C-alpha atoms as a PDB file:
ATOM      1  CA  MET A   1      19.956   3.329   8.005  1.00  0.00           C
ATOM      2  CA  GLY A   2      17.553   4.454  11.229  1.00  0.00           C
ATOM      3  CA  GLY A   3      14.027   2.798  13.122  1.00  0.00           C
ATOM      4  CA  LYS A   4      11.594   3.013  15.051  1.00  0.00           C
ATOM      5  CA  ALA A   5      10.669  -0.738  15.346  1.00  0.00           C
ATOM      6  CA  PHE A   6      11.902  -0.502  18.998  1.00  0.00           C
ATOM      7  CA  SER A   7      11.105   2.634  20.684  1.00  0.00           C
ATOM      8  CA  ASN A   8       9.213   1.699  23.408  1.00  0.00           C
ATOM      9  CA  ASP A   9      12.455  -0.150  24.696  1.00  0.00           C
ATOM     10  CA  LEU A  10      15.185   1.580  24.180  1.00  0.00           C
ATOM     11  CA  PRO A  11      15.347   5.750  24.301  1.00  0.00           C
ATOM     12  CA  SER A  12      14.351   7.544  21.562  1.00  0.00           C
ATOM     13  CA  GLY A  13      17.347   8.782  19.012  1.00  0.00           C
ATOM     14  CA  SER A  14      19.117   6.383  19.852  1.00  0.00           C
ATOM     15  CA  PHE A  15      18.984   5.053  16.529  1.00  0.00           C
ATOM     16  CA  PRO A  16      20.510   7.359  14.149  1.00  0.00           C
ATOM     17  CA  ARG A  17      19.487   7.596  10.093  1.00  0.00           C
ATOM     18  CA  LEU A  18      23.367   5.856   8.577  1.00  0.00           C
ATOM     19  CA  PRO A  19      24.866   6.168   5.729  1.00  0.00           C
ATOM     20  CA  SER A  20      23.892   2.474   2.913  1.00  0.00           C
ATOM     21  CA  SER A  21      27.950   2.525   2.780  1.00  0.00           C
ATOM     22  CA  ASP A  22      28.244   1.505   7.438  1.00  0.00           C
ATOM     23  CA  ILE A  23      25.037  -0.805   7.348  1.00  0.00           C
ATOM     24  CA  ALA A  24      26.828  -2.891   5.346  1.00  0.00           C
ATOM     25  CA  ALA A  25      28.863  -4.067   7.737  1.00  0.00           C
ATOM     26  CA  LYS A  26      27.234  -4.665   9.926  1.00  0.00           C
ATOM     27  CA  VAL A  27      24.535  -7.009   8.145  1.00  0.00           C
ATOM     28  CA  GLY A  28      25.923 -10.308   9.453  1.00  0.00           C
ATOM     29  CA  GLN A  29      26.424  -8.863  13.080  1.00  0.00           C
ATOM     30  CA  VAL A  30      22.295  -9.885  12.738  1.00  0.00           C
ATOM     31  CA  LEU A  31      22.379 -13.002  15.720  1.00  0.00           C
ATOM     32  CA  GLY A  32      23.995 -11.113  18.003  1.00  0.00           C
ATOM     33  CA  ALA A  33      20.911  -8.302  18.136  1.00  0.00           C
ATOM     34  CA  VAL A  34      20.430  -7.349  21.593  1.00  0.00           C
ATOM     35  CA  LYS A  35      16.717  -6.744  21.128  1.00  0.00           C
ATOM     36  CA  SER A  36      15.099  -8.397  18.059  1.00  0.00           C
ATOM     37  CA  VAL A  37      10.526  -8.535  16.441  1.00  0.00           C
ATOM     38  CA  GLU A  38      10.791 -11.655  14.516  1.00  0.00           C
ATOM     39  CA  MET A  39       7.480 -11.976  12.310  1.00  0.00           C
ATOM     40  CA  ASP A  40       6.252 -15.534  10.719  1.00  0.00           C
ATOM     41  CA  GLY A  41       5.846 -16.078   7.526  1.00  0.00           C
ATOM     42  CA  ASN A  42       6.113 -13.367   3.988  1.00  0.00           C
ATOM     43  CA  ARG A  43       7.227 -10.228   7.012  1.00  0.00           C
ATOM     44  CA  THR A  44       9.850  -8.539   7.595  1.00  0.00           C
ATOM     45  CA  SER A  45      11.690  -8.625  11.588  1.00  0.00           C
ATOM     46  CA  ASN A  46      13.718  -6.147  13.174  1.00  0.00           C
ATOM     47  CA  TYR A  47      16.653  -6.383  14.414  1.00  0.00           C
ATOM     48  CA  ALA A  48      19.121  -4.404  16.862  1.00  0.00           C
ATOM     49  CA  LEU A  49      22.727  -4.331  17.206  1.00  0.00           C
ATOM     50  CA  GLU A  50      24.610  -2.206  18.907  1.00  0.00           C
ATOM     51  CA  LEU A  51      27.561  -0.592  17.771  1.00  0.00           C
ATOM     52  CA  ASN A  52      30.856  -0.627  20.031  1.00  0.00           C
ATOM     53  CA  GLN A  53      33.264   1.839  21.500  1.00  0.00           C
ATOM     54  CA  GLU A  54      35.115   2.120  17.997  1.00  0.00           C
ATOM     55  CA  ASP A  55      32.357   2.054  15.698  1.00  0.00           C
ATOM     56  CA  CYS A  56      30.833   5.044  17.270  1.00  0.00           C
ATOM     57  CA  MET A  57      34.018   7.443  17.489  1.00  0.00           C
ATOM     58  CA  LEU A  58      34.200   6.401  13.148  1.00  0.00           C
ATOM     59  CA  LEU A  59      30.849   7.197  13.101  1.00  0.00           C
ATOM     60  CA  ALA A  60      31.484  10.679  14.895  1.00  0.00           C
ATOM     61  CA  SER A  61      34.410  11.345  12.973  1.00  0.00           C
ATOM     62  CA  ASP A  62      32.379  10.986   9.551  1.00  0.00           C
ATOM     63  CA  GLY A  63      30.219  13.686  10.898  1.00  0.00           C
ATOM     64  CA  LEU A  64      27.020  11.617  12.979  1.00  0.00           C
ATOM     65  CA  GLN A  65      26.138  13.662  15.823  1.00  0.00           C
ATOM     66  CA  VAL A  66      23.407  12.264  18.948  1.00  0.00           C
ATOM     67  CA  PRO A  67      22.391  13.725  21.696  1.00  0.00           C
ATOM     68  CA  ALA A  68      25.255  13.894  24.586  1.00  0.00           C
ATOM     69  CA  SER A  69      22.034  11.951  26.329  1.00  0.00           C
ATOM     70  CA  ILE A  70      22.174   8.774  24.652  1.00  0.00           C
ATOM     71  CA  GLN A  71      25.113   6.290  25.910  1.00  0.00           C
ATOM     72  CA  ARG A  72      24.547   3.645  23.700  1.00  0.00           C
ATOM     73  CA  ILE A  73      23.990   3.211  20.027  1.00  0.00           C
ATOM     74  CA  TYR A  74      21.817   0.601  17.494  1.00  0.00           C
ATOM     75  CA  LEU A  75      21.916  -0.171  14.418  1.00  0.00           C
ATOM     76  CA  GLN A  76      18.260  -1.487  13.624  1.00  0.00           C
ATOM     77  CA  VAL A  77      18.604  -4.040  10.862  1.00  0.00           C
ATOM     78  CA  ASP A  78      15.189  -5.211   8.906  1.00  0.00           C
ATOM     79  CA  VAL A  79      14.831  -8.710   7.592  1.00  0.00           C
ATOM     80  CA  ARG A  80      12.179  -8.944   5.081  1.00  0.00           C
ATOM     81  CA  VAL A  81      11.490 -12.518   4.247  1.00  0.00           C
ATOM     82  CA  CYS A  82       9.982 -12.676   0.257  1.00  0.00           C
ATOM     83  CA  LEU A  83       7.537 -15.166  -0.591  1.00  0.00           C
ATOM     84  CA  ASP A  84       9.862 -16.614  -4.145  1.00  0.00           C
ATOM     85  CA  ALA A  85      12.082 -14.887  -6.461  1.00  0.00           C
ATOM     86  CA  GLU A  86      10.251 -12.287  -7.794  1.00  0.00           C
ATOM     87  CA  GLU A  87       8.794 -10.758  -4.827  1.00  0.00           C
ATOM     88  CA  TRP A  88      12.806 -10.465  -4.419  1.00  0.00           C
ATOM     89  CA  GLU A  89      13.322  -8.670  -7.722  1.00  0.00           C
ATOM     90  CA  LEU A  90      10.676  -6.664  -7.088  1.00  0.00           C
ATOM     91  CA  VAL A  91      11.472  -5.777  -2.702  1.00  0.00           C
ATOM     92  CA  ARG A  92      15.432  -4.944  -4.645  1.00  0.00           C
ATOM     93  CA  VAL A  93      13.791  -2.439  -7.000  1.00  0.00           C
ATOM     94  CA  MET A  94      11.322  -1.024  -4.905  1.00  0.00           C
ATOM     95  CA  HIS A  95      13.878  -0.627  -1.639  1.00  0.00           C
ATOM     96  CA  GLY A  96      17.218   0.129  -3.956  1.00  0.00           C
ATOM     97  CA  TYR A  97      18.720   4.143  -4.145  1.00  0.00           C
ATOM     98  CA  GLY A  98      17.194   5.358  -1.147  1.00  0.00           C
ATOM     99  CA  ASP A  99      13.877   6.565  -1.344  1.00  0.00           C
ATOM    100  CA  LEU A 100      13.517   5.250  -5.012  1.00  0.00           C
ATOM    101  CA  GLY A 101      10.895   3.523  -4.394  1.00  0.00           C
ATOM    102  CA  ILE A 102       8.456   5.630  -2.076  1.00  0.00           C
ATOM    103  CA  ILE A 103       8.731   8.497  -4.617  1.00  0.00           C
ATOM    104  CA  ILE A 104       7.971   5.870  -7.677  1.00  0.00           C
ATOM    105  CA  GLY A 105       5.275   4.635  -5.064  1.00  0.00           C
ATOM    106  CA  SER A 106       4.131   8.289  -4.513  1.00  0.00           C
ATOM    107  CA  ILE A 107       4.043   9.086  -8.438  1.00  0.00           C
ATOM    108  CA  ALA A 108       1.964   6.347  -9.847  1.00  0.00           C
ATOM    109  CA  ARG A 109      -0.370   7.411  -6.172  1.00  0.00           C
ATOM    110  CA  ASN A 110      -1.414  10.359  -7.983  1.00  0.00           C
ATOM    111  CA  HIS A 111      -3.547   8.041  -9.864  1.00  0.00           C
ATOM    112  CA  ASN A 112      -4.672   6.330  -7.618  1.00  0.00           C
ATOM    113  CA  LEU A 113      -2.788   3.276  -8.035  1.00  0.00           C
ATOM    114  CA  LEU A 114      -0.285   1.635  -5.251  1.00  0.00           C
ATOM    115  CA  LEU A 115       2.648  -0.645  -5.723  1.00  0.00           C
ATOM    116  CA  GLY A 116       3.230  -3.401  -3.929  1.00  0.00           C
ATOM    117  CA  THR A 117       1.147  -7.533  -2.738  1.00  0.00           C
ATOM    118  CA  LYS A 118      -1.851  -4.581  -2.204  1.00  0.00           C
ATOM    119  CA  GLY A 119      -1.924  -3.110  -5.047  1.00  0.00           C
ATOM    120  CA  LEU A 120      -0.372  -3.031  -8.551  1.00  0.00           C
ATOM    121  CA  LYS A 121       1.953  -5.990  -8.649  1.00  0.00           C
ATOM    122  CA  ALA A 122       3.078  -8.127 -11.877  1.00  0.00           C
ATOM    123  CA  CYS A 123       4.993 -11.187 -12.490  1.00  0.00           C
ATOM    124  CA  ARG A 124       7.460  -9.733 -14.106  1.00  0.00           C
ATOM    125  CA  HIS A 125       9.358  -7.430 -11.066  1.00  0.00           C
ATOM    126  CA  SER A 126      10.105  -5.001 -14.114  1.00  0.00           C
ATOM    127  CA  ALA A 127       6.553  -4.634 -15.862  1.00  0.00           C
ATOM    128  CA  ILE A 128       5.729  -2.138 -13.319  1.00  0.00           C
ATOM    129  CA  LEU A 129       8.431   0.084 -14.492  1.00  0.00           C
ATOM    130  CA  GLU A 130       7.507  -0.534 -17.922  1.00  0.00           C
ATOM    131  CA  PHE A 131       3.483   0.643 -17.063  1.00  0.00           C
ATOM    132  CA  MET A 132       4.743   3.530 -15.200  1.00  0.00           C
ATOM    133  CA  GLY A 133       7.427   4.338 -18.147  1.00  0.00           C
ATOM    134  CA  LEU A 134      10.536   3.674 -16.333  1.00  0.00           C
ATOM    135  CA  SER A 135      13.398   2.411 -18.055  1.00  0.00           C
ATOM    136  CA  MET A 136      14.656  -1.337 -16.104  1.00  0.00           C
ATOM    137  CA  ASP A 137      17.630  -0.538 -18.402  1.00  0.00           C
ATOM    138  CA  ARG A 138      18.708   2.361 -17.255  1.00  0.00           C
ATOM    139  CA  TRP A 139      17.706   1.321 -12.970  1.00  0.00           C
ATOM    140  CA  LYS A 140      20.234  -1.187 -13.477  1.00  0.00           C
ATOM    141  CA  LYS A 141      23.338   0.938 -14.708  1.00  0.00           C
ATOM    142  CA  GLY A 142      22.974   2.798 -11.541  1.00  0.00           C
ATOM    143  CA  PHE A 143      22.936   6.522  -9.878  1.00  0.00           C
ATOM    144  CA  THR A 144      25.645   8.626  -8.669  1.00  0.00           C
ATOM    145  CA  THR A 145      23.755  11.229  -7.093  1.00  0.00           C
ATOM    146  CA  VAL A 146      20.501  12.281  -5.624  1.00  0.00           C
ATOM    147  CA  GLU A 147      19.423  14.444  -8.576  1.00  0.00           C
ATOM    148  CA  GLU A 148      19.856  11.517 -11.497  1.00  0.00           C
ATOM    149  CA  THR A 149      17.199   9.416  -9.087  1.00  0.00           C
ATOM    150  CA  PHE A 150      14.766  12.329  -9.710  1.00  0.00           C
ATOM    151  CA  ILE A 151      15.457  12.467 -13.032  1.00  0.00           C
ATOM    152  CA  PHE A 152      14.777   9.167 -13.419  1.00  0.00           C
ATOM    153  CA  ALA A 153      11.457   9.376 -11.686  1.00  0.00           C
ATOM    154  CA  SER A 154      10.162  11.804 -13.295  1.00  0.00           C
ATOM    155  CA  THR A 155      10.332   9.994 -16.706  1.00  0.00           C
ATOM    156  CA  SER A 156       7.813   8.631 -15.482  1.00  0.00           C
ATOM    157  CA  ARG A 157       4.723   9.000 -17.353  1.00  0.00           C
ATOM    158  CA  PHE A 158       2.618   9.642 -14.797  1.00  0.00           C
ATOM    159  CA  PHE A 159       5.265  12.069 -12.987  1.00  0.00           C
ATOM    160  CA  ASP A 160       2.986  15.239 -12.404  1.00  0.00           C
ATOM    161  CA  PRO A 161       4.929  18.294 -10.383  1.00  0.00           C
ATOM    162  CA  ARG A 162       1.610  20.063  -9.817  1.00  0.00           C
ATOM    163  CA  ARG A 163      -0.038  17.075  -8.230  1.00  0.00           C
ATOM    164  CA  ILE A 164       3.362  16.548  -5.511  1.00  0.00           C
ATOM    165  CA  ARG A 165       1.767  18.457  -2.725  1.00  0.00           C
ATOM    166  CA  LYS A 166       1.893  17.225   0.560  1.00  0.00           C
ATOM    167  CA  PRO A 167       0.967  13.987   1.706  1.00  0.00           C
ATOM    168  CA  GLN A 168      -2.905  14.071   2.280  1.00  0.00           C
ATOM    169  CA  GLN A 169      -3.549  10.202   4.025  1.00  0.00           C
ATOM    170  CA  TYR A 170      -2.071   9.766   7.041  1.00  0.00           C
ATOM    171  CA  SER A 171      -0.606   6.748   6.942  1.00  0.00           C
ATOM    172  CA  PHE A 172       1.555   7.646   3.833  1.00  0.00           C
ATOM    173  CA  ALA A 173       2.350  10.661   4.998  1.00  0.00           C
ATOM    174  CA  LYS A 174       3.364   9.663   8.543  1.00  0.00           C
ATOM    175  CA  SER A 175       5.442   7.387   7.090  1.00  0.00           C
ATOM    176  CA  VAL A 176       7.639   9.393   4.676  1.00  0.00           C
ATOM    177  CA  GLU A 177       7.882  12.212   7.401  1.00  0.00           C
ATOM    178  CA  GLU A 178      11.530  11.388   8.417  1.00  0.00           C
ATOM    179  CA  ARG A 179      12.664  10.903   4.910  1.00  0.00           C
ATOM    180  CA  ALA A 180      14.719  13.223   3.953  1.00  0.00           C
ATOM    181  CA  MET A 181      15.843  12.132   0.296  1.00  0.00           C
ATOM    182  CA  TYR A 182      11.226  11.930  -0.600  1.00  0.00           C
ATOM    183  CA  HIS A 183      11.031  15.771   0.833  1.00  0.00           C
ATOM    184  CA  GLU A 184      13.836  17.125  -1.226  1.00  0.00           C
ATOM    185  CA  PHE A 185      12.265  14.953  -4.261  1.00  0.00           C
ATOM    186  CA  THR A 186       9.076  17.363  -3.631  1.00  0.00           C
ATOM    187  CA  ARG A 187      10.933  20.386  -4.048  1.00  0.00           C
ATOM    188  CA  TRP A 188      12.865  19.734  -6.862  1.00  0.00           C
ATOM    189  CA  ALA A 189       9.607  18.644  -8.469  1.00  0.00           C
ATOM    190  CA  GLN A 190       7.636  21.578  -7.515  1.00  0.00           C
ATOM    191  CA  SER A 191      10.085  23.520  -9.545  1.00  0.00           C
ATOM    192  CA  GLN A 192      10.367  21.402 -12.718  1.00  0.00           C
ATOM    193  CA  SER A 193       7.317  22.800 -15.519  1.00  0.00           C
ATOM    194  CA  PRO A 194       4.305  19.428 -16.506  1.00  0.00           C
ATOM    195  CA  ALA A 195       5.225  17.713 -19.640  1.00  0.00           C
ATOM    196  CA  PRO A 196       2.605  17.098 -22.612  1.00  0.00           C
ATOM    197  CA  HIS A 197       2.397  13.351 -21.924  1.00  0.00           C
ATOM    198  CA  CYS A 198       1.302  13.851 -18.233  1.00  0.00           C
ATOM    199  CA  LEU A 199      -2.935  11.834 -17.968  1.00  0.00           C
ATOM    200  CA  GLU A 200      -5.228  14.360 -16.692  1.00  0.00           C
ATOM    201  CA  ALA A 201      -8.203  11.433 -15.313  1.00  0.00           C
ATOM    202  CA  LYS A 202      -7.368   9.193 -12.653  1.00  0.00           C
ATOM    203  CA  HIS A 203     -10.401   7.234 -13.413  1.00  0.00           C
ATOM    204  CA  ASP A 204      -7.445   6.420 -16.640  1.00  0.00           C
ATOM    205  CA  ALA A 205      -4.739   5.185 -14.822  1.00  0.00           C
ATOM    206  CA  VAL A 206      -6.792   2.240 -13.109  1.00  0.00           C
ATOM    207  CA  GLU A 207      -8.652   1.256 -16.258  1.00  0.00           C
ATOM    208  CA  GLU A 208      -5.060   1.479 -18.244  1.00  0.00           C
ATOM    209  CA  ALA A 209      -3.498  -0.364 -15.355  1.00  0.00           C
ATOM    210  CA  LEU A 210      -5.976  -3.421 -15.788  1.00  0.00           C
ATOM    211  CA  VAL A 211      -5.871  -4.158 -18.996  1.00  0.00           C
ATOM    212  CA  TYR A 212      -2.033  -3.771 -18.814  1.00  0.00           C
ATOM    213  CA  PHE A 213      -1.971  -6.750 -15.683  1.00  0.00           C
ATOM    214  CA  GLY A 214      -4.916  -8.374 -16.926  1.00  0.00           C
ATOM    215  CA  LYS A 215      -6.937  -7.751 -14.127  1.00  0.00           C
ATOM    216  CA  LYS A 216      -9.589  -5.707 -15.934  1.00  0.00           C
ATOM    217  CA  ASP A 217     -12.579  -8.859 -15.277  1.00  0.00           C
ATOM    218  CA  GLU A 218     -11.737  -9.742 -11.782  1.00  0.00           C
ATOM    219  CA  TRP A 219     -11.723  -6.963 -11.104  1.00  0.00           C
ATOM    220  CA  ASP A 220     -15.333  -6.367 -12.932  1.00  0.00           C
ATOM    221  CA  ALA A 221     -16.312  -9.400 -11.399  1.00  0.00           C
ATOM    222  CA  ALA A 222     -15.325  -8.255  -7.716  1.00  0.00           C
ATOM    223  CA  ALA A 223     -16.521  -4.506  -8.460  1.00  0.00           C
ATOM    224  CA  PHE A 224     -20.327  -6.294  -8.784  1.00  0.00           C
ATOM    225  CA  ALA A 225     -20.029  -8.620  -5.767  1.00  0.00           C
ATOM    226  CA  ARG A 226     -19.885  -5.420  -4.037  1.00  0.00           C
ATOM    227  CA  ASP A 227     -22.780  -3.821  -5.398  1.00  0.00           C
ATOM    228  CA  LYS A 228     -24.296  -6.621  -5.446  1.00  0.00           C
ATOM    229  CA  ARG A 229     -23.952  -6.351  -1.284  1.00  0.00           C
ATOM    230  CA  MET A 230     -24.726  -2.699  -0.672  1.00  0.00           C
ATOM    231  CA  TRP A 231     -27.587  -3.224  -3.063  1.00  0.00           C
ATOM    232  CA  LEU A 232     -29.306  -6.632  -1.003  1.00  0.00           C
ATOM    233  CA  LYS A 233     -27.999  -4.292   2.398  1.00  0.00           C
ATOM    234  CA  ASN A 234     -30.726  -1.508   1.547  1.00  0.00           C
ATOM    235  CA  ASN A 235     -33.155  -3.052  -0.550  1.00  0.00           C
ATOM    236  CA  PHE A 236     -33.959  -6.597   0.885  1.00  0.00           C
ATOM    237  CA  ASN A 237     -33.052  -6.887   4.922  1.00  0.00           C
ATOM    238  CA  GLY A 238     -34.823  -8.298   8.120  1.00  0.00           C
ATOM    239  CA  LYS A 239     -35.446  -4.939   9.363  1.00  0.00           C
ATOM    240  CA  LEU A 240     -36.988  -4.095   6.210  1.00  0.00           C
ATOM    241  CA  VAL A 241     -39.649  -6.571   5.825  1.00  0.00           C
ATOM    242  CA  ALA A 242     -39.768  -7.176   9.241  1.00  0.00           C
ATOM    243  CA  GLU A 243     -41.348  -3.057   8.660  1.00  0.00           C
ATOM    244  CA  TRP A 244     -43.354  -4.929   5.918  1.00  0.00           C
ATOM    245  CA  THR A 245     -45.076  -7.863   7.143  1.00  0.00           C
ATOM    246  CA  GLY A 246     -45.355  -6.507  10.843  1.00  0.00           C
ATOM    247  CA  LEU A 247     -43.425 -10.694  11.906  1.00  0.00           C
ATOM    248  CA  ARG A 248     -40.545 -10.752  14.868  1.00  0.00           C
ATOM    249  CA  TRP A 249     -37.344 -12.580  13.459  1.00  0.00           C
ATOM    250  CA  ARG A 250     -38.298 -16.048  12.848  1.00  0.00           C
ATOM    251  CA  GLY A 251     -41.290 -15.268  10.488  1.00  0.00           C
ATOM    252  CA  VAL A 252     -39.264 -12.691   8.365  1.00  0.00           C
ATOM    253  CA  LYS A 253     -36.641 -15.071   8.292  1.00  0.00           C
ATOM    254  CA  THR A 254     -39.208 -17.452   6.814  1.00  0.00           C
ATOM    255  CA  VAL A 255     -39.924 -14.923   4.136  1.00  0.00           C
ATOM    256  CA  MET A 256     -36.805 -13.720   3.252  1.00  0.00           C
ATOM    257  CA  ASP A 257     -36.543 -18.117   2.175  1.00  0.00           C
ATOM    258  CA  LYS A 258     -39.445 -17.963   0.803  1.00  0.00           C
ATOM    259  CA  VAL A 259     -38.987 -14.781  -1.613  1.00  0.00           C
ATOM    260  CA  ARG A 260     -35.112 -15.864  -2.287  1.00  0.00           C
ATOM    261  CA  ALA A 261     -36.577 -18.929  -3.883  1.00  0.00           C
ATOM    262  CA  SER A 262     -39.390 -17.736  -6.072  1.00  0.00           C
ATOM    263  CA  ALA A 263     -37.242 -15.171  -7.195  1.00  0.00           C
ATOM    264  CA  GLY A 264     -34.233 -17.259  -8.169  1.00  0.00           C
ATOM    265  CA  GLY A 265     -31.612 -16.268  -5.473  1.00  0.00           C
ATOM    266  CA  GLU A 266     -30.548 -12.978  -4.323  1.00  0.00           C
ATOM    267  CA  ASP A 267     -29.290 -12.956  -8.084  1.00  0.00           C
ATOM    268  CA  GLY A 268     -32.824 -12.268  -8.737  1.00  0.00           C
ATOM    269  CA  LEU A 269     -33.273  -9.282  -6.329  1.00  0.00           C
ATOM    270  CA  TYR A 270     -30.561  -7.368  -7.042  1.00  0.00           C
ATOM    271  CA  GLY A 271     -31.911  -4.084  -9.027  1.00  0.00           C
ATOM    272  CA  ARG A 272     -35.490  -5.005  -9.134  1.00  0.00           C
ATOM    273  CA  PRO A 273     -37.105  -1.534  -7.527  1.00  0.00           C
ATOM    274  CA  LEU A 274     -37.678  -1.492  -4.167  1.00  0.00           C
ATOM    275  CA  GLN A 275     -42.446  -1.625  -4.696  1.00  0.00           C
ATOM    276  CA  ASP A 276     -41.618  -4.707  -6.012  1.00  0.00           C
ATOM    277  CA  VAL A 277     -39.059  -6.071  -3.566  1.00  0.00           C
ATOM    278  CA  ARG A 278     -42.065  -4.959  -1.105  1.00  0.00           C
ATOM    279  CA  ASP A 279     -44.717  -6.786  -2.927  1.00  0.00           C
ATOM    280  CA  LEU A 280     -43.124  -9.883  -3.326  1.00  0.00           C
ATOM    281  CA  VAL A 281     -42.477  -9.683   0.505  1.00  0.00           C
ATOM    282  CA  LEU A 282     -45.989  -9.857   0.633  1.00  0.00           C
ATOM    283  CA  GLU A 283     -46.973 -12.186  -1.384  1.00  0.00           C
ATOM    284  CA  SER A 284     -44.470 -14.548  -0.094  1.00  0.00           C
ATOM    285  CA  LYS A 285     -46.095 -13.506   3.363  1.00  0.00           C
ATOM    286  CA  GLY A 286     -49.514 -14.548   2.710  1.00  0.00           C
ATOM    287  CA  ALA A 287     -48.246 -17.947   0.468  1.00  0.00           C
ATOM    288  CA  LEU A 288     -46.993 -18.651   3.731  1.00  0.00           C
ATOM    289  CA  ASP A 289     -49.951 -18.187   5.867  1.00  0.00           C
ATOM    290  CA  LEU A 290     -48.359 -16.013   8.249  1.00  0.00           C
END
């Protein structure tokens, strides 16, 4: 495991990416970290552990190459605090087996779906894999080769090698630029033939996810509220009322309050033709004798 959390404090190149077998033996030394970036709440904290000479020699014998200018080698340990056991299980699934979670996430992303706490989420950690068409039982058996993880990811009903390409979103592209396993997967995927079950429309995947996870009503309500705010911003705002009435800000506010009362609130205005809104504004101005 490498890391960039301490790039401002410690030399670039002093955090080489280490195999997981070497990381496990060092996790217990977190309290001896020489640097730390500790976060409150449900977030990830980072700890820098300096490796001793014996560790460095052992890693060198395993083929790890470090620039000659680097005098000290550090191990970055990331500690994630989860809200509950369910979140821990989800993290365990998404971060297990190298970049497999990133690979599954990229397959979902190609259908406008996001995995994690800010996107596609569920009460059961297995529900996401189930929705993706991936076998939780197969995941539990483990994988002995990198290609086995690729084959597992490709069994998703959302896998479409035609969509596996260089990331277009900067933040995602930045997060995977040093992920060798992920880039190896993209090359592997492009050599595969599209499966007959591939979904063609991104909209279909989003709609299906909303129904599957019981979020359709919540999504529709949020979309309606967002559309209404945009409509009001464009069709019933202080600038327009000022132009129609010739009033200053205090008079504009009084008229707008009168219009809302007459229409039964902003919901009563939403969707009306702009000319109707203008007529109601002028009627309200006249009724107020302004």
